[in-house]
């Protein structure tokens, strides 16, 4: 069983929006009470999810 996430999906997308608007990883992490690495993982996961899926045809 996986560990529970530290931020809700709404908080994760807010962090993603802040990052895309130029806010530093450190500032986002500090404001959310998590590590910089946690924010990096969230941003990476959201960017991967946004990529179009390849069809196996």
C-alpha atoms as a PDB file:
ATOM      1  CA  UNK A   1       0.000   0.000   0.000  1.00  0.00           C
ATOM      2  CA  UNK A   2       1.380   3.398  -0.960  1.00  0.00           C
ATOM      3  CA  UNK A   3       1.975   6.254   1.430  1.00  0.00           C
ATOM      4  CA  UNK A   4      -0.738   8.927   1.586  1.00  0.00           C
ATOM      5  CA  UNK A   5       0.036  12.110  -0.301  1.00  0.00           C
ATOM      6  CA  UNK A   6       1.110  15.152   1.673  1.00  0.00           C
ATOM      7  CA  UNK A   7      -0.930  17.584  -0.412  1.00  0.00           C
ATOM      8  CA  UNK A   8      -4.472  17.303  -1.716  1.00  0.00           C
ATOM      9  CA  UNK A   9      -4.982  17.258  -5.502  1.00  0.00           C
ATOM     10  CA  UNK A  10      -6.199  20.859  -5.311  1.00  0.00           C
ATOM     11  CA  UNK A  11      -3.043  21.920  -3.459  1.00  0.00           C
ATOM     12  CA  UNK A  12      -0.894  20.014  -5.967  1.00  0.00           C
ATOM     13  CA  UNK A  13      -2.430  21.827  -8.948  1.00  0.00           C
ATOM     14  CA  UNK A  14      -2.075  25.151  -7.115  1.00  0.00           C
ATOM     15  CA  UNK A  15       1.627  24.377  -6.596  1.00  0.00           C
ATOM     16  CA  UNK A  16       1.922  23.481 -10.289  1.00  0.00           C
ATOM     17  CA  UNK A  17       0.346  26.801 -11.262  1.00  0.00           C
ATOM     18  CA  UNK A  18       2.672  28.728  -8.971  1.00  0.00           C
ATOM     19  CA  UNK A  19       5.703  26.959 -10.429  1.00  0.00           C
ATOM     20  CA  UNK A  20       4.589  27.714 -13.982  1.00  0.00           C
ATOM     21  CA  UNK A  21       4.188  31.381 -13.034  1.00  0.00           C
ATOM     22  CA  UNK A  22       7.822  31.498 -11.868  1.00  0.00           C
ATOM     23  CA  UNK A  23       7.675  30.900  -8.110  1.00  0.00           C
ATOM     24  CA  UNK A  24      10.676  28.934  -6.807  1.00  0.00           C
ATOM     25  CA  UNK A  25      10.436  25.343  -5.616  1.00  0.00           C
ATOM     26  CA  UNK A  26      11.714  26.434  -2.198  1.00  0.00           C
ATOM     27  CA  UNK A  27       9.040  29.089  -1.736  1.00  0.00           C
ATOM     28  CA  UNK A  28       6.237  26.718  -2.776  1.00  0.00           C
ATOM     29  CA  UNK A  29       7.591  24.011  -0.456  1.00  0.00           C
ATOM     30  CA  UNK A  30       7.908  26.399   2.491  1.00  0.00           C
ATOM     31  CA  UNK A  31       4.363  27.740   2.025  1.00  0.00           C
ATOM     32  CA  UNK A  32       2.949  24.196   1.937  1.00  0.00           C
ATOM     33  CA  UNK A  33       5.071  22.756   4.749  1.00  0.00           C
ATOM     34  CA  UNK A  34       6.714  20.078   2.603  1.00  0.00           C
ATOM     35  CA  UNK A  35      10.188  19.491   1.203  1.00  0.00           C
ATOM     36  CA  UNK A  36      11.485  20.880  -2.069  1.00  0.00           C
ATOM     37  CA  UNK A  37      11.831  17.294  -3.322  1.00  0.00           C
ATOM     38  CA  UNK A  38       8.113  16.689  -2.675  1.00  0.00           C
ATOM     39  CA  UNK A  39       7.229  19.707  -4.835  1.00  0.00           C
ATOM     40  CA  UNK A  40       9.627  18.524  -7.563  1.00  0.00           C
ATOM     41  CA  UNK A  41       7.910  15.111  -7.605  1.00  0.00           C
ATOM     42  CA  UNK A  42       4.454  16.692  -7.777  1.00  0.00           C
ATOM     43  CA  UNK A  43       5.414  18.947 -10.702  1.00  0.00           C
ATOM     44  CA  UNK A  44       7.024  16.037 -12.553  1.00  0.00           C
ATOM     45  CA  UNK A  45       3.976  13.806 -12.004  1.00  0.00           C
ATOM     46  CA  UNK A  46       1.554  16.474 -13.251  1.00  0.00           C
ATOM     47  CA  UNK A  47       3.680  17.171 -16.350  1.00  0.00           C
ATOM     48  CA  UNK A  48       3.788  13.445 -17.175  1.00  0.00           C
ATOM     49  CA  UNK A  49       0.009  13.167 -16.718  1.00  0.00           C
ATOM     50  CA  UNK A  50      -0.575  16.131 -19.053  1.00  0.00           C
ATOM     51  CA  UNK A  51       1.389  14.592 -21.946  1.00  0.00           C
ATOM     52  CA  UNK A  52      -0.819  13.003 -24.614  1.00  0.00           C
ATOM     53  CA  UNK A  53      -0.884   9.235 -24.419  1.00  0.00           C
ATOM     54  CA  UNK A  54       0.471   7.285 -27.374  1.00  0.00           C
ATOM     55  CA  UNK A  55      -1.985   4.899 -28.985  1.00  0.00           C
ATOM     56  CA  UNK A  56      -0.798   1.360 -29.494  1.00  0.00           C
ATOM     57  CA  UNK A  57      -2.094   1.206 -33.061  1.00  0.00           C
END
